[in-house]
């Protein structure tokens, strides 16, 4: 019968990328808390980044109309932060920003996040 439109592939890959980043930052948080001499400030930073990535992944998968804005901000933060380490990590940071900007601005992604609730 009629069913709601499924999540576009580009949005699905973006959600997966931020979910993987959430897992990596959560692991970094646990590592910093368990390592002898680990910095509490670093653990707090990693926990905050894990929460931010989880917010982006959750809001995109929940189809919130405002979900693209935290994704833009967080990927921009990653891109700017990666410029200081210039190297392979810079390619990853700038690549994530380029992917997020492209994937969330495609017509299917804008329609899906924009609240147009068309049934197929």
C-alpha atoms as a PDB file:
ATOM      1  CA  UNK A   1       0.000   0.000   0.000  1.00  0.00           C
ATOM      2  CA  UNK A   2       1.190   3.533   0.701  1.00  0.00           C
ATOM      3  CA  UNK A   3       4.337   3.947   2.746  1.00  0.00           C
ATOM      4  CA  UNK A   4       6.430   6.952   3.765  1.00  0.00           C
ATOM      5  CA  UNK A   5       9.432   7.843   1.624  1.00  0.00           C
ATOM      6  CA  UNK A   6      12.607   6.093   2.700  1.00  0.00           C
ATOM      7  CA  UNK A   7      15.745   7.911   3.780  1.00  0.00           C
ATOM      8  CA  UNK A   8      17.856   8.997   0.783  1.00  0.00           C
ATOM      9  CA  UNK A   9      21.150   7.160   0.431  1.00  0.00           C
ATOM     10  CA  UNK A  10      23.290  10.255   0.873  1.00  0.00           C
ATOM     11  CA  UNK A  11      21.581  11.058   4.178  1.00  0.00           C
ATOM     12  CA  UNK A  12      21.947   7.429   5.267  1.00  0.00           C
ATOM     13  CA  UNK A  13      25.717   7.540   4.642  1.00  0.00           C
ATOM     14  CA  UNK A  14      25.945  10.837   6.536  1.00  0.00           C
ATOM     15  CA  UNK A  15      24.088   9.344   9.513  1.00  0.00           C
ATOM     16  CA  UNK A  16      26.420   6.349   9.406  1.00  0.00           C
ATOM     17  CA  UNK A  17      29.504   8.616   9.348  1.00  0.00           C
ATOM     18  CA  UNK A  18      28.344  10.569  12.396  1.00  0.00           C
ATOM     19  CA  UNK A  19      27.370   7.341  14.188  1.00  0.00           C
ATOM     20  CA  UNK A  20      30.898   5.993  13.625  1.00  0.00           C
ATOM     21  CA  UNK A  21      32.341   9.287  14.909  1.00  0.00           C
ATOM     22  CA  UNK A  22      30.097   8.971  17.981  1.00  0.00           C
ATOM     23  CA  UNK A  23      31.500   5.513  18.658  1.00  0.00           C
ATOM     24  CA  UNK A  24      35.100   6.670  18.165  1.00  0.00           C
ATOM     25  CA  UNK A  25      34.702   9.656  20.482  1.00  0.00           C
ATOM     26  CA  UNK A  26      32.978   7.477  23.096  1.00  0.00           C
ATOM     27  CA  UNK A  27      35.886   5.027  22.945  1.00  0.00           C
ATOM     28  CA  UNK A  28      38.348   7.915  23.268  1.00  0.00           C
ATOM     29  CA  UNK A  29      36.428   9.130  26.329  1.00  0.00           C
ATOM     30  CA  UNK A  30      36.614   5.730  28.004  1.00  0.00           C
ATOM     31  CA  UNK A  31      40.292   5.414  27.106  1.00  0.00           C
ATOM     32  CA  UNK A  32      41.126   8.802  28.624  1.00  0.00           C
ATOM     33  CA  UNK A  33      39.243   7.923  31.807  1.00  0.00           C
ATOM     34  CA  UNK A  34      40.928   4.532  32.208  1.00  0.00           C
ATOM     35  CA  UNK A  35      44.505   5.422  31.281  1.00  0.00           C
ATOM     36  CA  UNK A  36      46.713   6.290  34.205  1.00  0.00           C
ATOM     37  CA  UNK A  37      47.525   9.964  33.989  1.00  0.00           C
ATOM     38  CA  UNK A  38      44.663  10.583  31.555  1.00  0.00           C
ATOM     39  CA  UNK A  39      43.408  14.135  31.418  1.00  0.00           C
ATOM     40  CA  UNK A  40      39.905  14.790  32.719  1.00  0.00           C
ATOM     41  CA  UNK A  41      39.677  17.772  30.371  1.00  0.00           C
ATOM     42  CA  UNK A  42      40.410  15.569  27.357  1.00  0.00           C
ATOM     43  CA  UNK A  43      37.825  13.046  28.513  1.00  0.00           C
ATOM     44  CA  UNK A  44      35.253  15.835  28.866  1.00  0.00           C
ATOM     45  CA  UNK A  45      36.126  17.135  25.392  1.00  0.00           C
ATOM     46  CA  UNK A  46      35.750  13.675  23.821  1.00  0.00           C
ATOM     47  CA  UNK A  47      32.459  13.116  25.655  1.00  0.00           C
ATOM     48  CA  UNK A  48      31.145  16.451  24.367  1.00  0.00           C
ATOM     49  CA  UNK A  49      32.167  15.581  20.813  1.00  0.00           C
ATOM     50  CA  UNK A  50      30.500  12.153  21.141  1.00  0.00           C
ATOM     51  CA  UNK A  51      27.297  13.834  22.316  1.00  0.00           C
ATOM     52  CA  UNK A  52      27.428  16.348  19.444  1.00  0.00           C
ATOM     53  CA  UNK A  53      27.927  13.584  16.860  1.00  0.00           C
ATOM     54  CA  UNK A  54      25.080  11.594  18.431  1.00  0.00           C
ATOM     55  CA  UNK A  55      22.839  14.681  18.231  1.00  0.00           C
ATOM     56  CA  UNK A  56      23.595  15.046  14.516  1.00  0.00           C
ATOM     57  CA  UNK A  57      23.074  11.353  13.747  1.00  0.00           C
ATOM     58  CA  UNK A  58      19.888  11.204  15.809  1.00  0.00           C
ATOM     59  CA  UNK A  59      18.358  14.376  14.433  1.00  0.00           C
ATOM     60  CA  UNK A  60      19.087  13.393  10.832  1.00  0.00           C
ATOM     61  CA  UNK A  61      17.591   9.940  11.283  1.00  0.00           C
ATOM     62  CA  UNK A  62      14.589  11.407  13.126  1.00  0.00           C
ATOM     63  CA  UNK A  63      13.970  13.663  10.121  1.00  0.00           C
ATOM     64  CA  UNK A  64      14.086  16.953  11.980  1.00  0.00           C
ATOM     65  CA  UNK A  65      13.842  19.999   9.687  1.00  0.00           C
ATOM     66  CA  UNK A  66      16.718  21.716  11.549  1.00  0.00           C
ATOM     67  CA  UNK A  67      19.004  18.650  11.452  1.00  0.00           C
ATOM     68  CA  UNK A  68      21.227  19.936   8.649  1.00  0.00           C
ATOM     69  CA  UNK A  69      22.438  22.950  10.638  1.00  0.00           C
ATOM     70  CA  UNK A  70      24.216  21.061  13.448  1.00  0.00           C
ATOM     71  CA  UNK A  71      25.679  18.752  10.784  1.00  0.00           C
ATOM     72  CA  UNK A  72      27.094  21.757   8.905  1.00  0.00           C
ATOM     73  CA  UNK A  73      28.458  23.295  12.105  1.00  0.00           C
ATOM     74  CA  UNK A  74      30.068  20.117  13.406  1.00  0.00           C
ATOM     75  CA  UNK A  75      31.630  19.124  10.096  1.00  0.00           C
ATOM     76  CA  UNK A  76      32.907  22.699   9.707  1.00  0.00           C
ATOM     77  CA  UNK A  77      34.436  22.462  13.180  1.00  0.00           C
ATOM     78  CA  UNK A  78      36.134  19.195  12.227  1.00  0.00           C
ATOM     79  CA  UNK A  79      37.444  20.719   8.999  1.00  0.00           C
ATOM     80  CA  UNK A  80      38.882  23.783  10.741  1.00  0.00           C
ATOM     81  CA  UNK A  81      40.389  21.685  13.536  1.00  0.00           C
ATOM     82  CA  UNK A  82      41.994  19.333  11.031  1.00  0.00           C
ATOM     83  CA  UNK A  83      43.760  22.216   9.271  1.00  0.00           C
ATOM     84  CA  UNK A  84      46.052  22.601  12.269  1.00  0.00           C
ATOM     85  CA  UNK A  85      47.333  19.040  11.884  1.00  0.00           C
ATOM     86  CA  UNK A  86      47.913  19.363   8.128  1.00  0.00           C
ATOM     87  CA  UNK A  87      48.257  15.969   6.545  1.00  0.00           C
ATOM     88  CA  UNK A  88      45.992  12.995   6.014  1.00  0.00           C
ATOM     89  CA  UNK A  89      43.654  14.140   8.788  1.00  0.00           C
ATOM     90  CA  UNK A  90      43.134  17.412   6.885  1.00  0.00           C
ATOM     91  CA  UNK A  91      41.864  15.447   3.911  1.00  0.00           C
ATOM     92  CA  UNK A  92      39.445  13.600   6.196  1.00  0.00           C
ATOM     93  CA  UNK A  93      38.165  16.789   7.870  1.00  0.00           C
ATOM     94  CA  UNK A  94      37.716  18.746   4.659  1.00  0.00           C
ATOM     95  CA  UNK A  95      36.306  15.643   2.949  1.00  0.00           C
ATOM     96  CA  UNK A  96      33.676  15.264   5.675  1.00  0.00           C
ATOM     97  CA  UNK A  97      32.685  18.911   5.274  1.00  0.00           C
ATOM     98  CA  UNK A  98      32.435  18.549   1.491  1.00  0.00           C
ATOM     99  CA  UNK A  99      30.388  15.354   1.840  1.00  0.00           C
ATOM    100  CA  UNK A 100      27.957  16.878   4.355  1.00  0.00           C
ATOM    101  CA  UNK A 101      27.505  20.020   2.266  1.00  0.00           C
ATOM    102  CA  UNK A 102      26.853  17.970  -0.871  1.00  0.00           C
ATOM    103  CA  UNK A 103      24.742  15.194   0.616  1.00  0.00           C
ATOM    104  CA  UNK A 104      22.373  17.379   2.625  1.00  0.00           C
ATOM    105  CA  UNK A 105      21.823  19.790  -0.266  1.00  0.00           C
ATOM    106  CA  UNK A 106      20.698  17.245  -2.842  1.00  0.00           C
ATOM    107  CA  UNK A 107      17.052  17.478  -3.813  1.00  0.00           C
ATOM    108  CA  UNK A 108      16.025  14.138  -2.249  1.00  0.00           C
ATOM    109  CA  UNK A 109      17.717  15.077   1.044  1.00  0.00           C
ATOM    110  CA  UNK A 110      16.135  18.537   1.124  1.00  0.00           C
ATOM    111  CA  UNK A 111      12.726  17.082   0.317  1.00  0.00           C
ATOM    112  CA  UNK A 112      13.128  14.371   2.944  1.00  0.00           C
ATOM    113  CA  UNK A 113      14.324  16.736   5.679  1.00  0.00           C
ATOM    114  CA  UNK A 114      12.069  19.585   4.595  1.00  0.00           C
ATOM    115  CA  UNK A 115       8.943  17.969   5.915  1.00  0.00           C
ATOM    116  CA  UNK A 116       7.273  17.171   2.633  1.00  0.00           C
ATOM    117  CA  UNK A 117       5.462  14.065   3.723  1.00  0.00           C
ATOM    118  CA  UNK A 118       4.647  12.528   0.379  1.00  0.00           C
ATOM    119  CA  UNK A 119       3.533   8.933   0.388  1.00  0.00           C
ATOM    120  CA  UNK A 120       4.763   6.631  -2.327  1.00  0.00           C
END
